[in-house]
Amino acid sequence: MRKYSILISILTLIFGFTFYSDTVSITIYDTNYIIAAEVICFAIWLIFMIVFQLINLKRYFSRNEA
């Protein structure tokens, strides 16, 4: 499992540098938001890591319930 999270971190880092200085424009209710692409890559990585850690934490607690 540890190799999987390291692989995802490396891929996200590569994508973050690939899209460096690119912008993403999002329109919500007639308001334009301009967000850096590397911020979006980091946000996706952060969400994935939180979910991954929650799954590992659930497994840890369910293993020690007995």
N, C-alpha and C. Protein backbone atom coordinates (compact mmCIF):
# COMPACT_ATOMS: atom_id res chain seq x y z
N MET A 1 0.81 -1.20 0.00
CA MET A 1 0.00 0.00 0.00
C MET A 1 0.86 1.26 0.00
N ARG A 2 1.98 1.21 0.69
CA ARG A 2 2.84 2.39 0.76
C ARG A 2 3.38 2.76 -0.61
N LYS A 3 3.71 1.75 -1.43
CA LYS A 3 4.22 2.04 -2.77
C LYS A 3 3.16 2.74 -3.61
N TYR A 4 1.90 2.37 -3.40
CA TYR A 4 0.81 2.97 -4.17
C TYR A 4 0.69 4.46 -3.86
N SER A 5 0.74 4.83 -2.59
CA SER A 5 0.60 6.25 -2.24
C SER A 5 1.82 7.05 -2.69
N ILE A 6 3.01 6.43 -2.65
CA ILE A 6 4.20 7.12 -3.14
C ILE A 6 4.10 7.33 -4.65
N LEU A 7 3.61 6.34 -5.38
CA LEU A 7 3.44 6.46 -6.83
C LEU A 7 2.47 7.59 -7.17
N ILE A 8 1.35 7.65 -6.46
CA ILE A 8 0.37 8.71 -6.70
C ILE A 8 0.98 10.08 -6.39
N SER A 9 1.77 10.17 -5.32
CA SER A 9 2.41 11.44 -4.98
C SER A 9 3.39 11.88 -6.06
N ILE A 10 4.16 10.93 -6.59
CA ILE A 10 5.11 11.26 -7.64
C ILE A 10 4.39 11.71 -8.91
N LEU A 11 3.33 11.00 -9.29
CA LEU A 11 2.57 11.40 -10.48
C LEU A 11 1.95 12.78 -10.32
N THR A 12 1.42 13.06 -9.15
CA THR A 12 0.82 14.37 -8.92
C THR A 12 1.87 15.47 -8.97
N LEU A 13 3.05 15.19 -8.42
CA LEU A 13 4.14 16.17 -8.49
C LEU A 13 4.55 16.43 -9.93
N ILE A 14 4.63 15.37 -10.74
CA ILE A 14 4.97 15.53 -12.15
C ILE A 14 3.91 16.37 -12.87
N PHE A 15 2.62 16.05 -12.62
CA PHE A 15 1.56 16.83 -13.26
C PHE A 15 1.57 18.27 -12.77
N GLY A 16 1.90 18.49 -11.50
CA GLY A 16 1.97 19.85 -10.96
C GLY A 16 3.01 20.68 -11.68
N PHE A 17 4.18 20.09 -11.96
CA PHE A 17 5.22 20.83 -12.69
C PHE A 17 4.91 20.91 -14.18
N THR A 18 4.18 19.93 -14.70
CA THR A 18 3.81 19.97 -16.12
C THR A 18 2.87 21.14 -16.40
N PHE A 19 1.92 21.35 -15.52
CA PHE A 19 0.94 22.40 -15.72
C PHE A 19 1.31 23.70 -15.01
N TYR A 20 2.58 23.85 -14.63
CA TYR A 20 3.02 25.05 -13.93
C TYR A 20 2.80 26.28 -14.82
N SER A 21 2.25 27.30 -14.26
CA SER A 21 1.92 28.59 -14.87
C SER A 21 0.74 28.51 -15.84
N ASP A 22 0.07 27.36 -15.92
CA ASP A 22 -1.18 27.29 -16.68
C ASP A 22 -2.32 27.68 -15.74
N THR A 23 -3.37 28.23 -16.30
CA THR A 23 -4.51 28.62 -15.48
C THR A 23 -5.76 27.89 -15.93
N VAL A 24 -6.66 27.72 -14.99
CA VAL A 24 -7.95 27.11 -15.26
C VAL A 24 -9.00 28.15 -14.91
N SER A 25 -9.90 28.41 -15.84
CA SER A 25 -10.95 29.40 -15.63
C SER A 25 -12.27 28.69 -15.37
N ILE A 26 -12.89 29.02 -14.25
CA ILE A 26 -14.16 28.40 -13.86
C ILE A 26 -15.18 29.52 -13.69
N THR A 27 -16.37 29.32 -14.24
CA THR A 27 -17.44 30.30 -14.11
C THR A 27 -18.57 29.71 -13.27
N ILE A 28 -18.87 30.38 -12.16
CA ILE A 28 -19.97 29.95 -11.29
C ILE A 28 -20.85 31.16 -11.04
N TYR A 29 -22.10 31.08 -11.47
CA TYR A 29 -23.07 32.17 -11.30
C TYR A 29 -22.52 33.50 -11.79
N ASP A 30 -22.08 33.53 -13.02
CA ASP A 30 -21.58 34.74 -13.68
C ASP A 30 -20.35 35.35 -13.01
N THR A 31 -19.64 34.56 -12.23
CA THR A 31 -18.39 35.02 -11.62
C THR A 31 -17.27 34.14 -12.14
N ASN A 32 -16.25 34.77 -12.71
CA ASN A 32 -15.12 34.02 -13.24
C ASN A 32 -14.05 33.85 -12.17
N TYR A 33 -13.61 32.62 -12.00
CA TYR A 33 -12.52 32.31 -11.08
C TYR A 33 -11.35 31.80 -11.91
N ILE A 34 -10.19 32.35 -11.70
CA ILE A 34 -8.98 31.90 -12.39
C ILE A 34 -8.09 31.24 -11.33
N ILE A 35 -7.84 29.95 -11.54
CA ILE A 35 -7.09 29.16 -10.56
C ILE A 35 -5.87 28.57 -11.27
N ALA A 36 -4.75 28.57 -10.59
CA ALA A 36 -3.54 27.96 -11.14
C ALA A 36 -3.73 26.44 -11.22
N ALA A 37 -3.25 25.85 -12.30
CA ALA A 37 -3.44 24.42 -12.52
C ALA A 37 -2.72 23.59 -11.47
N GLU A 38 -1.56 24.05 -10.99
CA GLU A 38 -0.84 23.27 -9.98
C GLU A 38 -1.59 23.26 -8.65
N VAL A 39 -2.39 24.29 -8.39
CA VAL A 39 -3.22 24.30 -7.18
C VAL A 39 -4.29 23.23 -7.28
N ILE A 40 -4.86 23.07 -8.47
CA ILE A 40 -5.86 22.03 -8.67
C ILE A 40 -5.24 20.65 -8.54
N CYS A 41 -4.03 20.46 -9.08
CA CYS A 41 -3.33 19.18 -8.92
C CYS A 41 -3.08 18.89 -7.45
N PHE A 42 -2.66 19.90 -6.70
CA PHE A 42 -2.42 19.70 -5.28
C PHE A 42 -3.71 19.37 -4.54
N ALA A 43 -4.80 20.03 -4.90
CA ALA A 43 -6.08 19.77 -4.24
C ALA A 43 -6.55 18.35 -4.51
N ILE A 44 -6.39 17.87 -5.74
CA ILE A 44 -6.77 16.49 -6.06
C ILE A 44 -5.91 15.52 -5.26
N TRP A 45 -4.61 15.80 -5.19
CA TRP A 45 -3.70 14.95 -4.41
C TRP A 45 -4.10 14.94 -2.93
N LEU A 46 -4.43 16.10 -2.40
CA LEU A 46 -4.79 16.21 -0.99
C LEU A 46 -6.07 15.43 -0.69
N ILE A 47 -7.06 15.56 -1.54
CA ILE A 47 -8.31 14.82 -1.34
C ILE A 47 -8.06 13.32 -1.41
N PHE A 48 -7.27 12.89 -2.39
CA PHE A 48 -6.97 11.47 -2.51
C PHE A 48 -6.23 10.95 -1.28
N MET A 49 -5.26 11.71 -0.79
CA MET A 49 -4.49 11.27 0.39
C MET A 49 -5.36 11.23 1.64
N ILE A 50 -6.28 12.16 1.80
CA ILE A 50 -7.18 12.13 2.95
C ILE A 50 -8.06 10.89 2.90
N VAL A 51 -8.62 10.60 1.74
CA VAL A 51 -9.45 9.40 1.59
C VAL A 51 -8.62 8.15 1.84
N PHE A 52 -7.43 8.11 1.30
CA PHE A 52 -6.54 6.96 1.47
C PHE A 52 -6.20 6.75 2.95
N GLN A 53 -5.89 7.83 3.66
CA GLN A 53 -5.56 7.71 5.08
C GLN A 53 -6.79 7.32 5.91
N LEU A 54 -7.96 7.79 5.54
CA LEU A 54 -9.17 7.39 6.25
C LEU A 54 -9.46 5.90 6.07
N ILE A 55 -9.22 5.39 4.87
CA ILE A 55 -9.40 3.95 4.63
C ILE A 55 -8.41 3.15 5.47
N ASN A 56 -7.16 3.59 5.51
CA ASN A 56 -6.17 2.90 6.33
C ASN A 56 -6.51 2.98 7.82
N LEU A 57 -7.02 4.12 8.27
CA LEU A 57 -7.39 4.27 9.66
C LEU A 57 -8.57 3.36 10.01
N LYS A 58 -9.53 3.25 9.10
CA LYS A 58 -10.67 2.36 9.32
C LYS A 58 -10.20 0.92 9.43
N ARG A 59 -9.29 0.51 8.56
CA ARG A 59 -8.75 -0.85 8.63
C ARG A 59 -8.00 -1.08 9.93
N TYR A 60 -7.26 -0.09 10.37
CA TYR A 60 -6.49 -0.21 11.62
C TYR A 60 -7.43 -0.40 12.81
N PHE A 61 -8.48 0.41 12.89
CA PHE A 61 -9.40 0.31 14.02
C PHE A 61 -10.25 -0.96 13.96
N SER A 62 -10.65 -1.39 12.77
CA SER A 62 -11.46 -2.61 12.67
C SER A 62 -10.63 -3.85 12.98
N ARG A 63 -9.34 -3.80 12.77
CA ARG A 63 -8.47 -4.94 13.06
C ARG A 63 -8.29 -5.11 14.57
N ASN A 64 -8.32 -4.03 15.32
CA ASN A 64 -8.05 -4.09 16.76
C ASN A 64 -9.32 -4.02 17.61
N GLU A 65 -10.48 -4.25 17.01
CA GLU A 65 -11.72 -4.17 17.78
C GLU A 65 -11.88 -5.34 18.75
N ALA A 66 -11.39 -6.52 18.39
CA ALA A 66 -11.57 -7.71 19.23
C ALA A 66 -10.75 -7.54 20.47
